[in-house]
Amino acid sequence: MRFLLTFILMLIGLAPGLAQVEHKSVKTETIRVPAPGSETLYVVDQETGAVRIDWKLAEDIVATKSDRIALPIAQLMLAIRDGKWKPMH
């Protein structure tokens, strides 16, 4: 009986380690055109692929919450810029 109880307790202790999910890799995508609703926040240079961001507008949208469509994109852009957003590892 004591052996069975010890075995069950060991299994309970190991369960969280066995349930861990393997991390998936993230694929990098090249932006060709802005997402719908975000044309005002950033522009993609068609020749170089460089992204030009209007930081002042992004800050204003987040502060005033004036554009519901662009708000989540502006929040994410500012979080990445400010180092508050971290990729999953």
N, C-alpha and C. Protein backbone atom coordinates (compact mmCIF):
# COMPACT_ATOMS: atom_id res chain seq x y z
N MET A 1 0.82 -1.19 0.00
CA MET A 1 0.00 0.00 0.00
C MET A 1 0.87 1.26 0.00
N ARG A 2 1.89 1.24 0.82
CA ARG A 2 2.78 2.39 0.89
C ARG A 2 3.50 2.60 -0.44
N PHE A 3 3.89 1.50 -1.10
CA PHE A 3 4.55 1.58 -2.39
C PHE A 3 3.62 2.22 -3.43
N LEU A 4 2.37 1.83 -3.44
CA LEU A 4 1.40 2.37 -4.38
C LEU A 4 1.19 3.87 -4.14
N LEU A 5 1.09 4.28 -2.88
CA LEU A 5 0.92 5.68 -2.55
C LEU A 5 2.13 6.50 -3.00
N THR A 6 3.32 5.96 -2.78
CA THR A 6 4.55 6.64 -3.21
C THR A 6 4.57 6.77 -4.72
N PHE A 7 4.20 5.74 -5.43
CA PHE A 7 4.18 5.75 -6.89
C PHE A 7 3.20 6.79 -7.42
N ILE A 8 2.03 6.88 -6.83
CA ILE A 8 1.02 7.86 -7.26
C ILE A 8 1.51 9.27 -7.01
N LEU A 9 2.12 9.52 -5.87
CA LEU A 9 2.66 10.84 -5.58
C LEU A 9 3.77 11.23 -6.55
N MET A 10 4.59 10.26 -6.93
CA MET A 10 5.64 10.54 -7.92
C MET A 10 5.03 10.90 -9.27
N LEU A 11 3.99 10.21 -9.68
CA LEU A 11 3.33 10.51 -10.94
C LEU A 11 2.69 11.90 -10.92
N ILE A 12 2.10 12.27 -9.81
CA ILE A 12 1.50 13.60 -9.69
C ILE A 12 2.58 14.67 -9.80
N GLY A 13 3.73 14.43 -9.23
CA GLY A 13 4.83 15.39 -9.30
C GLY A 13 5.41 15.51 -10.69
N LEU A 14 5.39 14.44 -11.47
CA LEU A 14 5.94 14.45 -12.82
C LEU A 14 4.96 14.95 -13.87
N ALA A 15 3.69 14.97 -13.56
CA ALA A 15 2.67 15.33 -14.55
C ALA A 15 2.88 16.69 -15.20
N PRO A 16 3.18 17.78 -14.45
CA PRO A 16 3.38 19.07 -15.12
C PRO A 16 4.54 19.06 -16.12
N GLY A 17 5.60 18.34 -15.81
CA GLY A 17 6.73 18.27 -16.72
C GLY A 17 6.40 17.52 -18.00
N LEU A 18 5.57 16.54 -17.89
CA LEU A 18 5.19 15.76 -19.07
C LEU A 18 4.18 16.51 -19.95
N ALA A 19 3.47 17.46 -19.38
CA ALA A 19 2.44 18.17 -20.11
C ALA A 19 2.96 19.38 -20.87
N GLN A 20 4.25 19.68 -20.78
CA GLN A 20 4.78 20.85 -21.47
C GLN A 20 4.68 20.68 -22.98
N VAL A 21 4.32 21.78 -23.64
CA VAL A 21 4.13 21.78 -25.08
C VAL A 21 5.41 22.26 -25.75
N GLU A 22 5.78 21.62 -26.84
CA GLU A 22 6.97 22.04 -27.57
C GLU A 22 6.69 23.34 -28.32
N HIS A 23 7.65 24.26 -28.30
CA HIS A 23 7.48 25.56 -28.94
C HIS A 23 7.56 25.43 -30.45
N LYS A 24 6.76 26.23 -31.12
CA LYS A 24 6.74 26.25 -32.58
C LYS A 24 7.59 27.41 -33.08
N SER A 25 8.23 27.22 -34.20
CA SER A 25 9.01 28.32 -34.77
C SER A 25 8.08 29.31 -35.47
N VAL A 26 8.54 30.55 -35.57
CA VAL A 26 7.75 31.60 -36.19
C VAL A 26 8.34 31.90 -37.56
N LYS A 27 7.49 31.99 -38.55
CA LYS A 27 7.93 32.28 -39.91
C LYS A 27 7.94 33.79 -40.13
N THR A 28 9.01 34.30 -40.68
CA THR A 28 9.11 35.72 -40.99
C THR A 28 8.41 35.99 -42.31
N GLU A 29 7.57 37.00 -42.32
CA GLU A 29 6.84 37.37 -43.52
C GLU A 29 7.31 38.74 -44.00
N THR A 30 7.36 38.92 -45.31
CA THR A 30 7.70 40.21 -45.89
C THR A 30 6.41 40.96 -46.15
N ILE A 31 6.35 42.20 -45.67
CA ILE A 31 5.16 43.03 -45.85
C ILE A 31 5.24 43.68 -47.22
N ARG A 32 4.24 43.44 -48.05
CA ARG A 32 4.20 44.04 -49.39
C ARG A 32 3.30 45.27 -49.41
N VAL A 33 2.18 45.18 -48.71
CA VAL A 33 1.24 46.30 -48.64
C VAL A 33 0.72 46.39 -47.21
N PRO A 34 0.32 47.56 -46.77
CA PRO A 34 -0.21 47.71 -45.41
C PRO A 34 -1.51 46.92 -45.22
N ALA A 35 -1.77 46.56 -43.99
CA ALA A 35 -3.02 45.87 -43.65
C ALA A 35 -4.18 46.85 -43.79
N PRO A 36 -5.37 46.37 -44.10
CA PRO A 36 -6.53 47.27 -44.21
C PRO A 36 -6.74 48.06 -42.92
N GLY A 37 -6.94 49.35 -43.04
CA GLY A 37 -7.16 50.19 -41.88
C GLY A 37 -5.90 50.77 -41.29
N SER A 38 -4.73 50.34 -41.76
CA SER A 38 -3.49 50.84 -41.17
C SER A 38 -2.68 51.68 -42.15
N GLU A 39 -3.29 52.06 -43.26
CA GLU A 39 -2.57 52.83 -44.27
C GLU A 39 -2.03 54.14 -43.70
N THR A 40 -2.69 54.66 -42.69
CA THR A 40 -2.26 55.93 -42.11
C THR A 40 -1.11 55.75 -41.13
N LEU A 41 -0.95 54.56 -40.56
CA LEU A 41 0.09 54.33 -39.56
C LEU A 41 1.46 54.07 -40.16
N TYR A 42 1.50 53.33 -41.23
CA TYR A 42 2.80 53.03 -41.85
C TYR A 42 2.65 52.87 -43.35
N VAL A 43 3.78 53.06 -44.04
CA VAL A 43 3.82 52.94 -45.49
C VAL A 43 4.98 52.02 -45.83
N VAL A 44 4.77 51.13 -46.78
CA VAL A 44 5.82 50.22 -47.23
C VAL A 44 6.38 50.74 -48.54
N ASP A 45 7.69 50.97 -48.57
CA ASP A 45 8.36 51.41 -49.79
C ASP A 45 8.43 50.21 -50.73
N GLN A 46 7.82 50.33 -51.89
CA GLN A 46 7.74 49.21 -52.83
C GLN A 46 9.09 48.78 -53.38
N GLU A 47 10.04 49.69 -53.49
CA GLU A 47 11.35 49.34 -54.05
C GLU A 47 12.25 48.65 -53.03
N THR A 48 12.33 49.22 -51.82
CA THR A 48 13.26 48.69 -50.83
C THR A 48 12.59 47.77 -49.82
N GLY A 49 11.28 47.87 -49.69
CA GLY A 49 10.57 47.09 -48.68
C GLY A 49 10.65 47.70 -47.29
N ALA A 50 11.24 48.90 -47.19
CA ALA A 50 11.35 49.58 -45.90
C ALA A 50 9.98 50.04 -45.43
N VAL A 51 9.77 49.95 -44.13
CA VAL A 51 8.51 50.37 -43.53
C VAL A 51 8.73 51.71 -42.84
N ARG A 52 7.95 52.71 -43.22
CA ARG A 52 8.03 54.04 -42.61
C ARG A 52 6.81 54.21 -41.70
N ILE A 53 7.09 54.38 -40.40
CA ILE A 53 6.03 54.43 -39.39
C ILE A 53 5.83 55.86 -38.92
N ASP A 54 4.57 56.26 -38.83
CA ASP A 54 4.21 57.57 -38.28
C ASP A 54 3.99 57.40 -36.77
N TRP A 55 5.06 57.54 -35.99
CA TRP A 55 5.01 57.29 -34.55
C TRP A 55 4.09 58.28 -33.84
N LYS A 56 4.09 59.52 -34.27
CA LYS A 56 3.24 60.53 -33.63
C LYS A 56 1.77 60.15 -33.78
N LEU A 57 1.38 59.72 -34.97
CA LEU A 57 0.00 59.31 -35.18
C LEU A 57 -0.34 58.08 -34.34
N ALA A 58 0.57 57.11 -34.27
CA ALA A 58 0.33 55.91 -33.47
C ALA A 58 0.14 56.28 -32.00
N GLU A 59 0.98 57.18 -31.49
CA GLU A 59 0.85 57.62 -30.11
C GLU A 59 -0.49 58.34 -29.88
N ASP A 60 -0.88 59.17 -30.83
CA ASP A 60 -2.15 59.89 -30.71
C ASP A 60 -3.35 58.94 -30.72
N ILE A 61 -3.32 57.94 -31.58
CA ILE A 61 -4.42 56.97 -31.67
C ILE A 61 -4.55 56.20 -30.36
N VAL A 62 -3.41 55.78 -29.79
CA VAL A 62 -3.46 55.05 -28.53
C VAL A 62 -3.94 55.94 -27.39
N ALA A 63 -3.49 57.18 -27.37
CA ALA A 63 -3.87 58.09 -26.29
C ALA A 63 -5.35 58.45 -26.33
N THR A 64 -5.87 58.69 -27.53
CA THR A 64 -7.26 59.15 -27.65
C THR A 64 -8.24 58.04 -27.99
N LYS A 65 -7.71 56.88 -28.43
CA LYS A 65 -8.56 55.75 -28.87
C LYS A 65 -9.57 56.22 -29.93
N SER A 66 -9.08 57.08 -30.83
CA SER A 66 -9.95 57.72 -31.81
C SER A 66 -10.27 56.83 -33.01
N ASP A 67 -9.43 55.86 -33.32
CA ASP A 67 -9.63 55.01 -34.50
C ASP A 67 -9.67 53.56 -34.05
N ARG A 68 -10.88 53.00 -33.97
CA ARG A 68 -11.03 51.63 -33.46
C ARG A 68 -10.38 50.59 -34.35
N ILE A 69 -10.28 50.86 -35.63
CA ILE A 69 -9.67 49.89 -36.55
C ILE A 69 -8.15 49.86 -36.38
N ALA A 70 -7.54 51.03 -36.29
CA ALA A 70 -6.08 51.12 -36.21
C ALA A 70 -5.56 50.99 -34.78
N LEU A 71 -6.42 51.06 -33.78
CA LEU A 71 -5.98 51.04 -32.38
C LEU A 71 -5.16 49.81 -32.01
N PRO A 72 -5.61 48.57 -32.31
CA PRO A 72 -4.80 47.41 -31.92
C PRO A 72 -3.43 47.39 -32.59
N ILE A 73 -3.37 47.81 -33.84
CA ILE A 73 -2.10 47.85 -34.56
C ILE A 73 -1.18 48.89 -33.94
N ALA A 74 -1.73 50.06 -33.62
CA ALA A 74 -0.93 51.12 -32.99
C ALA A 74 -0.43 50.69 -31.62
N GLN A 75 -1.26 50.02 -30.85
CA GLN A 75 -0.84 49.54 -29.53
C GLN A 75 0.30 48.53 -29.65
N LEU A 76 0.19 47.62 -30.60
CA LEU A 76 1.25 46.63 -30.80
C LEU A 76 2.54 47.28 -31.27
N MET A 77 2.44 48.24 -32.18
CA MET A 77 3.63 48.93 -32.68
C MET A 77 4.35 49.65 -31.55
N LEU A 78 3.61 50.34 -30.69
CA LEU A 78 4.22 51.06 -29.57
C LEU A 78 4.80 50.10 -28.54
N ALA A 79 4.14 48.98 -28.30
CA ALA A 79 4.66 48.00 -27.35
C ALA A 79 5.98 47.40 -27.84
N ILE A 80 6.07 47.13 -29.13
CA ILE A 80 7.32 46.60 -29.68
C ILE A 80 8.42 47.66 -29.59
N ARG A 81 8.08 48.88 -29.96
CA ARG A 81 9.06 49.97 -29.91
C ARG A 81 9.58 50.21 -28.50
N ASP A 82 8.67 50.18 -27.52
CA ASP A 82 9.03 50.49 -26.14
C ASP A 82 9.60 49.30 -25.38
N GLY A 83 9.67 48.14 -26.03
CA GLY A 83 10.23 46.96 -25.39
C GLY A 83 9.31 46.29 -24.38
N LYS A 84 8.01 46.59 -24.43
CA LYS A 84 7.05 46.00 -23.50
C LYS A 84 6.49 44.69 -24.04
N TRP A 85 6.68 44.43 -25.31
CA TRP A 85 6.20 43.20 -25.94
C TRP A 85 7.39 42.28 -26.13
N LYS A 86 7.24 41.04 -25.75
CA LYS A 86 8.32 40.07 -25.88
C LYS A 86 7.82 38.89 -26.70
N PRO A 87 8.62 38.41 -27.65
CA PRO A 87 8.20 37.23 -28.40
C PRO A 87 8.21 36.00 -27.51
N MET A 88 7.38 35.04 -27.84
CA MET A 88 7.35 33.79 -27.08
C MET A 88 8.55 32.94 -27.48
N HIS A 89 9.19 32.35 -26.49
CA HIS A 89 10.35 31.47 -26.75
C HIS A 89 10.03 30.07 -26.37
